[in-house]
Amino acid sequence: MNTIWGGWALFQALFTTSSIISKKCNVSVSIVAIRWVSDHDYTGAVVVAARMGISEYIEEGSKVFSFSLDASDMAMNQ
């Protein structure tokens, strides 16, 4: 899959960037990814899988609304 997307090096660069932003914003890498996808005008919805009965998923998922990506964050992902 990552070969189609751009290769291992590009995938690692994306993960490194997401990790830097996640530490800055005090959220997980997955929450940064959800925020990034949902911030685009062409995104109508983001589907997030969570297991029923696991309350920490709900708490973690709600963090997507606790921060926003600034211009420097968005520039890092380009």
N, C-alpha and C. Protein backbone atom coordinates (compact mmCIF):
# COMPACT_ATOMS: atom_id res chain seq x y z
N MET A 1 0.82 -1.20 0.00
CA MET A 1 0.00 0.00 0.00
C MET A 1 0.86 1.25 0.00
N ASN A 2 1.88 1.32 0.87
CA ASN A 2 2.65 2.56 0.90
C ASN A 2 3.50 2.75 -0.35
N THR A 3 3.73 1.69 -1.15
CA THR A 3 4.42 1.84 -2.42
C THR A 3 3.56 2.64 -3.39
N ILE A 4 2.28 2.36 -3.41
CA ILE A 4 1.34 3.10 -4.25
C ILE A 4 1.25 4.55 -3.78
N TRP A 5 1.25 4.76 -2.50
CA TRP A 5 1.09 6.09 -1.91
C TRP A 5 2.32 6.96 -2.14
N GLY A 6 3.51 6.38 -2.21
CA GLY A 6 4.70 7.19 -2.42
C GLY A 6 5.98 6.56 -1.88
N GLY A 7 5.87 5.41 -1.29
CA GLY A 7 7.06 4.72 -0.81
C GLY A 7 7.27 4.87 0.68
N TRP A 8 8.17 4.05 1.18
CA TRP A 8 8.44 3.98 2.61
C TRP A 8 8.98 5.28 3.17
N ALA A 9 9.90 5.94 2.46
CA ALA A 9 10.50 7.18 2.95
C ALA A 9 9.45 8.28 3.12
N LEU A 10 8.55 8.40 2.16
CA LEU A 10 7.50 9.42 2.25
C LEU A 10 6.53 9.10 3.40
N PHE A 11 6.22 7.82 3.57
CA PHE A 11 5.36 7.40 4.67
C PHE A 11 6.00 7.74 6.01
N GLN A 12 7.30 7.49 6.15
CA GLN A 12 8.01 7.81 7.38
C GLN A 12 8.07 9.31 7.63
N ALA A 13 8.23 10.10 6.57
CA ALA A 13 8.23 11.56 6.70
C ALA A 13 6.87 12.05 7.20
N LEU A 14 5.80 11.49 6.65
CA LEU A 14 4.45 11.86 7.11
C LEU A 14 4.25 11.49 8.57
N PHE A 15 4.69 10.30 8.95
CA PHE A 15 4.54 9.87 10.34
C PHE A 15 5.35 10.77 11.27
N THR A 16 6.56 11.13 10.88
CA THR A 16 7.40 12.01 11.70
C THR A 16 6.73 13.37 11.88
N THR A 17 6.22 13.92 10.79
CA THR A 17 5.52 15.22 10.87
C THR A 17 4.30 15.12 11.77
N SER A 18 3.51 14.07 11.60
CA SER A 18 2.31 13.88 12.43
C SER A 18 2.68 13.72 13.90
N SER A 19 3.79 13.05 14.16
CA SER A 19 4.25 12.85 15.53
C SER A 19 4.66 14.17 16.18
N ILE A 20 5.36 15.01 15.42
CA ILE A 20 5.76 16.34 15.93
C ILE A 20 4.52 17.15 16.29
N ILE A 21 3.54 17.16 15.40
CA ILE A 21 2.30 17.92 15.65
C ILE A 21 1.54 17.33 16.83
N SER A 22 1.49 16.00 16.94
CA SER A 22 0.75 15.37 18.04
C SER A 22 1.36 15.74 19.39
N LYS A 23 2.67 15.80 19.46
CA LYS A 23 3.32 16.20 20.72
C LYS A 23 3.06 17.67 21.03
N LYS A 24 3.11 18.50 20.02
CA LYS A 24 2.85 19.94 20.20
C LYS A 24 1.41 20.18 20.71
N CYS A 25 0.47 19.43 20.16
CA CYS A 25 -0.95 19.63 20.49
C CYS A 25 -1.45 18.72 21.60
N ASN A 26 -0.58 17.82 22.08
CA ASN A 26 -0.92 16.91 23.16
C ASN A 26 -2.11 15.99 22.81
N VAL A 27 -2.04 15.44 21.60
CA VAL A 27 -3.04 14.47 21.13
C VAL A 27 -2.29 13.34 20.43
N SER A 28 -2.99 12.28 20.09
CA SER A 28 -2.35 11.15 19.41
C SER A 28 -2.16 11.45 17.92
N VAL A 29 -1.31 10.66 17.30
CA VAL A 29 -1.07 10.80 15.86
C VAL A 29 -2.37 10.56 15.09
N SER A 30 -3.17 9.61 15.53
CA SER A 30 -4.43 9.34 14.83
C SER A 30 -5.39 10.52 14.90
N ILE A 31 -5.39 11.24 16.00
CA ILE A 31 -6.25 12.42 16.13
C ILE A 31 -5.75 13.54 15.21
N VAL A 32 -4.44 13.68 15.06
CA VAL A 32 -3.89 14.65 14.11
C VAL A 32 -4.35 14.30 12.69
N ALA A 33 -4.31 13.03 12.35
CA ALA A 33 -4.74 12.60 11.01
C ALA A 33 -6.21 12.91 10.78
N ILE A 34 -7.05 12.65 11.77
CA ILE A 34 -8.48 12.94 11.64
C ILE A 34 -8.69 14.44 11.47
N ARG A 35 -7.99 15.26 12.26
CA ARG A 35 -8.11 16.72 12.16
C ARG A 35 -7.69 17.20 10.78
N TRP A 36 -6.56 16.67 10.27
CA TRP A 36 -6.04 17.09 8.97
C TRP A 36 -7.04 16.76 7.86
N VAL A 37 -7.57 15.55 7.88
CA VAL A 37 -8.55 15.16 6.85
C VAL A 37 -9.81 16.00 6.96
N SER A 38 -10.30 16.20 8.15
CA SER A 38 -11.56 16.93 8.31
C SER A 38 -11.43 18.42 8.03
N ASP A 39 -10.22 18.97 8.04
CA ASP A 39 -10.01 20.39 7.76
C ASP A 39 -10.08 20.74 6.28
N HIS A 40 -10.19 19.76 5.40
CA HIS A 40 -10.24 20.02 3.97
C HIS A 40 -11.68 20.19 3.50
N ASP A 41 -11.88 21.17 2.63
CA ASP A 41 -13.22 21.47 2.13
C ASP A 41 -13.87 20.29 1.41
N TYR A 42 -13.07 19.46 0.79
CA TYR A 42 -13.61 18.34 0.03
C TYR A 42 -14.02 17.17 0.91
N THR A 43 -13.76 17.24 2.21
CA THR A 43 -14.12 16.16 3.12
C THR A 43 -15.55 16.38 3.63
N GLY A 44 -16.42 15.44 3.32
CA GLY A 44 -17.79 15.53 3.79
C GLY A 44 -17.99 14.89 5.15
N ALA A 45 -17.18 13.87 5.43
CA ALA A 45 -17.29 13.17 6.71
C ALA A 45 -16.01 12.37 6.94
N VAL A 46 -15.75 12.09 8.19
CA VAL A 46 -14.63 11.24 8.57
C VAL A 46 -15.22 10.09 9.38
N VAL A 47 -14.97 8.88 8.95
CA VAL A 47 -15.48 7.71 9.65
C VAL A 47 -14.36 7.16 10.52
N VAL A 48 -14.64 7.07 11.81
CA VAL A 48 -13.66 6.59 12.77
C VAL A 48 -14.19 5.31 13.40
N ALA A 49 -13.37 4.28 13.36
CA ALA A 49 -13.79 3.01 13.96
C ALA A 49 -13.44 3.01 15.44
N ALA A 50 -14.37 2.56 16.24
CA ALA A 50 -14.14 2.41 17.68
C ALA A 50 -14.91 1.20 18.17
N ARG A 51 -14.39 0.57 19.15
CA ARG A 51 -15.06 -0.60 19.71
C ARG A 51 -16.12 -0.15 20.71
N MET A 52 -17.26 -0.77 20.62
CA MET A 52 -18.35 -0.47 21.55
C MET A 52 -17.93 -0.83 22.97
N GLY A 53 -18.28 0.01 23.91
CA GLY A 53 -18.01 -0.28 25.30
C GLY A 53 -16.64 0.14 25.79
N ILE A 54 -15.84 0.70 24.92
CA ILE A 54 -14.51 1.14 25.33
C ILE A 54 -14.54 2.67 25.41
N SER A 55 -14.76 3.17 26.60
CA SER A 55 -14.98 4.60 26.78
C SER A 55 -13.76 5.45 26.46
N GLU A 56 -12.56 4.89 26.59
CA GLU A 56 -11.39 5.72 26.28
C GLU A 56 -11.32 6.08 24.80
N TYR A 57 -11.91 5.26 23.91
CA TYR A 57 -11.97 5.62 22.49
C TYR A 57 -12.83 6.86 22.29
N ILE A 58 -13.92 6.93 23.00
CA ILE A 58 -14.81 8.09 22.89
C ILE A 58 -14.09 9.34 23.38
N GLU A 59 -13.44 9.23 24.51
CA GLU A 59 -12.70 10.37 25.07
C GLU A 59 -11.57 10.78 24.14
N GLU A 60 -10.83 9.83 23.63
CA GLU A 60 -9.72 10.13 22.71
C GLU A 60 -10.24 10.76 21.43
N GLY A 61 -11.30 10.21 20.88
CA GLY A 61 -11.87 10.73 19.64
C GLY A 61 -12.38 12.14 19.76
N SER A 62 -12.90 12.50 20.91
CA SER A 62 -13.43 13.86 21.09
C SER A 62 -12.32 14.92 21.12
N LYS A 63 -11.06 14.49 21.28
CA LYS A 63 -9.95 15.44 21.29
C LYS A 63 -9.75 16.12 19.93
N VAL A 64 -10.33 15.53 18.89
CA VAL A 64 -10.20 16.13 17.57
C VAL A 64 -10.81 17.54 17.54
N PHE A 65 -11.72 17.81 18.46
CA PHE A 65 -12.37 19.12 18.53
C PHE A 65 -11.67 20.07 19.50
N SER A 66 -10.60 19.61 20.15
CA SER A 66 -9.94 20.42 21.17
C SER A 66 -8.78 21.25 20.65
N PHE A 67 -8.47 21.12 19.37
CA PHE A 67 -7.33 21.86 18.81
C PHE A 67 -7.57 22.06 17.32
N SER A 68 -6.78 22.92 16.73
CA SER A 68 -6.81 23.08 15.28
C SER A 68 -5.38 23.12 14.77
N LEU A 69 -5.24 22.80 13.52
CA LEU A 69 -3.93 22.85 12.89
C LEU A 69 -3.69 24.28 12.39
N ASP A 70 -2.56 24.86 12.76
CA ASP A 70 -2.26 26.21 12.29
C ASP A 70 -1.52 26.14 10.96
N ALA A 71 -1.21 27.30 10.41
CA ALA A 71 -0.57 27.37 9.09
C ALA A 71 0.76 26.63 9.07
N SER A 72 1.52 26.71 10.15
CA SER A 72 2.82 26.02 10.17
C SER A 72 2.62 24.50 10.19
N ASP A 73 1.59 24.03 10.88
CA ASP A 73 1.29 22.59 10.88
C ASP A 73 0.94 22.14 9.47
N MET A 74 0.07 22.88 8.81
CA MET A 74 -0.36 22.52 7.47
C MET A 74 0.80 22.57 6.48
N ALA A 75 1.70 23.51 6.64
CA ALA A 75 2.86 23.62 5.75
C ALA A 75 3.79 22.43 5.93
N MET A 76 3.86 21.88 7.13
CA MET A 76 4.73 20.72 7.38
C MET A 76 4.26 19.50 6.62
N ASN A 77 2.98 19.41 6.33
CA ASN A 77 2.41 18.24 5.67
C ASN A 77 2.43 18.33 4.16
N GLN A 78 3.03 19.35 3.61
CA GLN A 78 3.04 19.49 2.14
C GLN A 78 4.34 19.09 1.57
